[in-house]
């Protein structure tokens, strides 16, 4: 039983390493030669694997872009779950997001943004992935903290606003540099302060 569990963990670790390696190689090739000019054959040749192995991890080369979206979503969900229950929801989001982004590989993220910015054909898929993953994580968290259904209007709109701020902060960082985690935190802080302001005052 122990050896079987160890074998499963080792297979999972191998899969994680393979996925990470394929992502890194793919993004490097996409950035250097352009997304449309890079074929799966080019990626597998660089990775020294078979085409079949590539497709075991990614249904298409476009799916390489979804890895960053899913990785951030999973990390953000865990970071949000760890925040104190009595903490203001938007403040929790600000702190959790800063923690998650600080843990990300900035060079890999910059390459990811660069390729997407230069490949209009993949933007729709990436934005769709963000809405299905990251934005949903934020909406579900806010709904739970506000005591509302997951699909209620207020958490859905707040999550959309937060995601817009996140994208704007990431774009700002891409063009002007700096510490992304700090920029992200300050940007969500703008939203946090605006939402907590009483319109009557």
Protein backbone atom coordinates (compact mmCIF):
# COMPACT_ATOMS: atom_id res chain seq x y z
CA UNK A 1 0.00 0.00 0.00
CA UNK A 2 2.83 2.38 0.93
CA UNK A 3 4.83 1.54 -2.19
CA UNK A 4 1.72 1.99 -4.35
CA UNK A 5 1.07 5.41 -2.80
CA UNK A 6 4.71 6.38 -3.38
CA UNK A 7 4.47 5.24 -7.00
CA UNK A 8 1.37 7.39 -7.53
CA UNK A 9 3.09 10.42 -6.01
CA UNK A 10 6.15 9.87 -8.20
CA UNK A 11 3.99 9.61 -11.32
CA UNK A 12 2.18 12.81 -10.36
CA UNK A 13 5.49 14.57 -9.75
CA UNK A 14 6.80 13.37 -13.11
CA UNK A 15 3.64 14.65 -14.84
CA UNK A 16 3.96 18.05 -13.13
CA UNK A 17 7.60 18.33 -14.21
CA UNK A 18 6.76 17.31 -17.79
CA UNK A 19 3.90 19.83 -18.01
CA UNK A 20 6.11 22.59 -16.62
CA UNK A 21 8.91 21.74 -19.05
CA UNK A 22 6.55 21.67 -22.03
CA UNK A 23 5.07 25.01 -21.01
CA UNK A 24 8.51 26.59 -20.73
CA UNK A 25 9.72 25.22 -24.07
CA UNK A 26 6.49 26.14 -25.85
CA UNK A 27 6.44 29.72 -24.60
CA UNK A 28 10.12 30.19 -25.46
CA UNK A 29 9.52 28.96 -29.01
CA UNK A 30 6.31 30.98 -29.38
CA UNK A 31 8.11 34.14 -28.29
CA UNK A 32 11.11 33.57 -30.54
CA UNK A 33 9.34 32.44 -33.71
CA UNK A 34 5.70 33.45 -33.33
CA UNK A 35 2.86 31.23 -32.17
CA UNK A 36 1.55 30.42 -35.65
CA UNK A 37 4.99 29.38 -36.94
CA UNK A 38 5.64 26.90 -34.14
CA UNK A 39 4.24 23.40 -34.68
CA UNK A 40 3.76 20.69 -32.09
CA UNK A 41 6.54 18.81 -33.89
CA UNK A 42 8.91 21.69 -33.07
CA UNK A 43 7.98 21.57 -29.39
CA UNK A 44 8.37 17.81 -29.03
CA UNK A 45 11.66 17.88 -30.91
CA UNK A 46 13.01 20.43 -28.45
CA UNK A 47 11.63 18.45 -25.50
CA UNK A 48 12.86 15.10 -26.85
CA UNK A 49 9.46 13.46 -26.49
CA UNK A 50 6.88 12.03 -28.89
CA UNK A 51 3.91 13.92 -30.31
CA UNK A 52 1.69 11.44 -28.50
CA UNK A 53 3.27 12.42 -25.18
CA UNK A 54 2.63 16.11 -25.85
CA UNK A 55 -1.04 15.43 -26.54
CA UNK A 56 -1.29 13.43 -23.32
CA UNK A 57 -0.77 16.70 -21.46
CA UNK A 58 -2.14 19.33 -23.86
CA UNK A 59 -5.05 18.67 -26.28
CA UNK A 60 -3.77 21.51 -28.51
CA UNK A 61 -0.82 23.91 -28.43
CA UNK A 62 -3.29 26.70 -27.50
CA UNK A 63 -3.93 24.86 -24.22
CA UNK A 64 -0.41 25.73 -23.09
CA UNK A 65 -1.74 29.22 -22.31
CA UNK A 66 -4.38 27.84 -19.95
CA UNK A 67 -1.78 26.41 -17.59
CA UNK A 68 -0.94 29.82 -16.10
CA UNK A 69 -4.63 30.62 -15.69
CA UNK A 70 -5.37 27.36 -13.89
CA UNK A 71 -2.21 27.55 -11.77
CA UNK A 72 -3.08 31.04 -10.52
CA UNK A 73 -6.71 30.04 -9.90
CA UNK A 74 -5.75 27.01 -7.82
CA UNK A 75 -3.19 29.00 -5.81
CA UNK A 76 -5.60 31.88 -5.29
CA UNK A 77 -8.38 29.56 -4.10
CA UNK A 78 -6.04 28.06 -1.49
CA UNK A 79 -4.77 31.48 -0.37
CA UNK A 80 -8.33 32.82 -0.04
CA UNK A 81 -9.42 29.79 1.98
CA UNK A 82 -6.64 30.52 4.46
CA UNK A 83 -7.75 34.10 5.16
CA UNK A 84 -9.47 34.87 8.53
CA UNK A 85 -13.27 34.67 8.40
CA UNK A 86 -13.67 38.06 10.11
CA UNK A 87 -11.48 39.85 7.56
CA UNK A 88 -13.10 42.21 5.03
CA UNK A 89 -13.59 40.19 1.81
CA UNK A 90 -11.85 42.66 -0.51
CA UNK A 91 -8.91 42.92 1.88
CA UNK A 92 -8.69 39.12 1.92
CA UNK A 93 -8.61 39.15 -1.87
CA UNK A 94 -5.89 41.79 -1.88
CA UNK A 95 -3.63 39.86 0.52
CA UNK A 96 -4.28 36.44 -1.05
CA UNK A 97 -3.63 37.74 -4.55
CA UNK A 98 -0.39 39.41 -3.47
CA UNK A 99 0.78 36.14 -1.90
CA UNK A 100 -0.10 34.12 -4.98
CA UNK A 101 1.50 36.48 -7.48
CA UNK A 102 4.66 36.79 -5.37
CA UNK A 103 5.06 33.01 -5.64
CA UNK A 104 4.79 32.98 -9.45
CA UNK A 105 7.72 32.83 -11.88
CA UNK A 106 7.92 36.43 -13.13
CA UNK A 107 10.03 35.56 -16.19
CA UNK A 108 7.63 32.84 -17.30
CA UNK A 109 4.67 35.15 -16.73
CA UNK A 110 6.29 37.94 -18.74
CA UNK A 111 6.89 35.53 -21.62
CA UNK A 112 3.26 34.33 -21.36
CA UNK A 113 1.96 37.91 -21.55
CA UNK A 114 4.31 38.75 -24.40
CA UNK A 115 3.19 35.84 -26.56
CA UNK A 116 -0.50 36.52 -25.93
CA UNK A 117 -0.06 40.23 -26.65
CA UNK A 118 1.50 39.35 -30.00
CA UNK A 119 -1.01 36.63 -30.92
CA UNK A 120 -4.54 38.07 -31.25
CA UNK A 121 -5.93 34.67 -32.25
CA UNK A 122 -5.39 33.24 -28.74
CA UNK A 123 -6.71 36.21 -26.72
CA UNK A 124 -10.34 35.04 -26.77
CA UNK A 125 -9.41 31.60 -25.43
CA UNK A 126 -7.23 33.04 -22.69
CA UNK A 127 -9.90 35.52 -21.57
CA UNK A 128 -12.46 32.73 -21.59
CA UNK A 129 -10.19 30.64 -19.41
CA UNK A 130 -9.74 33.53 -16.98
CA UNK A 131 -13.52 33.96 -16.70
CA UNK A 132 -14.07 30.25 -16.17
CA UNK A 133 -11.32 29.88 -13.59
CA UNK A 134 -9.89 32.95 -11.81
CA UNK A 135 -12.98 35.12 -11.96
CA UNK A 136 -15.16 32.25 -10.74
CA UNK A 137 -12.80 31.61 -7.80
CA UNK A 138 -13.10 35.26 -6.75
CA UNK A 139 -16.89 35.34 -7.21
CA UNK A 140 -17.39 32.17 -5.16
CA UNK A 141 -15.17 33.49 -2.37
CA UNK A 142 -16.94 36.86 -2.22
CA UNK A 143 -20.36 35.18 -2.34
CA UNK A 144 -19.47 32.92 0.58
CA UNK A 145 -18.13 35.81 2.66
CA UNK A 146 -21.17 37.96 1.89
CA UNK A 147 -23.63 35.15 2.58
CA UNK A 148 -24.98 35.19 -0.97
CA UNK A 149 -25.49 32.52 -3.66
CA UNK A 150 -22.44 31.92 -5.85
CA UNK A 151 -24.18 33.33 -8.91
CA UNK A 152 -25.67 36.39 -7.18
CA UNK A 153 -25.26 39.76 -8.89
CA UNK A 154 -23.08 41.53 -6.30
CA UNK A 155 -20.24 38.95 -6.01
CA UNK A 156 -20.36 38.33 -9.76
CA UNK A 157 -19.94 42.03 -10.55
CA UNK A 158 -17.31 42.55 -7.85
CA UNK A 159 -15.34 39.59 -9.21
CA UNK A 160 -15.55 41.01 -12.74
CA UNK A 161 -14.34 44.38 -11.45
CA UNK A 162 -11.49 42.73 -9.54
CA UNK A 163 -10.49 40.71 -12.59
CA UNK A 164 -10.43 43.89 -14.68
CA UNK A 165 -8.15 45.51 -12.13
CA UNK A 166 -5.91 42.42 -12.10
CA UNK A 167 -5.56 42.48 -15.88
CA UNK A 168 -4.84 46.22 -15.89
CA UNK A 169 -2.22 45.79 -13.16
CA UNK A 170 -0.56 42.97 -15.06
CA UNK A 171 -0.49 45.07 -18.24
CA UNK A 172 1.01 47.99 -16.30
CA UNK A 173 3.71 45.69 -14.94
CA UNK A 174 4.42 44.21 -18.37
CA UNK A 175 5.06 47.59 -19.97
CA UNK A 176 6.62 49.46 -17.05
CA UNK A 177 8.21 46.79 -14.87
CA UNK A 178 8.35 46.79 -11.08
CA UNK A 179 7.22 44.22 -8.55
CA UNK A 180 4.05 42.59 -9.84
CA UNK A 181 2.84 41.42 -6.44
CA UNK A 182 3.10 44.96 -5.06
CA UNK A 183 1.45 46.50 -8.13
CA UNK A 184 -1.35 43.95 -7.90
CA UNK A 185 -1.86 44.63 -4.20
CA UNK A 186 -1.95 48.40 -4.68
CA UNK A 187 -4.34 48.05 -7.61
CA UNK A 188 -6.78 45.85 -5.68
CA UNK A 189 -6.36 48.37 -2.85
CA UNK A 190 -7.87 51.03 -5.11
CA UNK A 191 -10.91 48.82 -5.63
CA UNK A 192 -11.04 47.91 -1.95
CA UNK A 193 -11.02 51.56 -0.85
CA UNK A 194 -13.61 52.54 -3.45
CA UNK A 195 -16.02 49.78 -2.46
CA UNK A 196 -15.66 50.54 1.26
CA UNK A 197 -16.38 54.22 0.74
CA UNK A 198 -19.88 55.30 1.72
CA UNK A 199 -21.34 57.09 -1.34
CA UNK A 200 -23.30 59.41 0.98
CA UNK A 201 -20.10 60.84 2.46
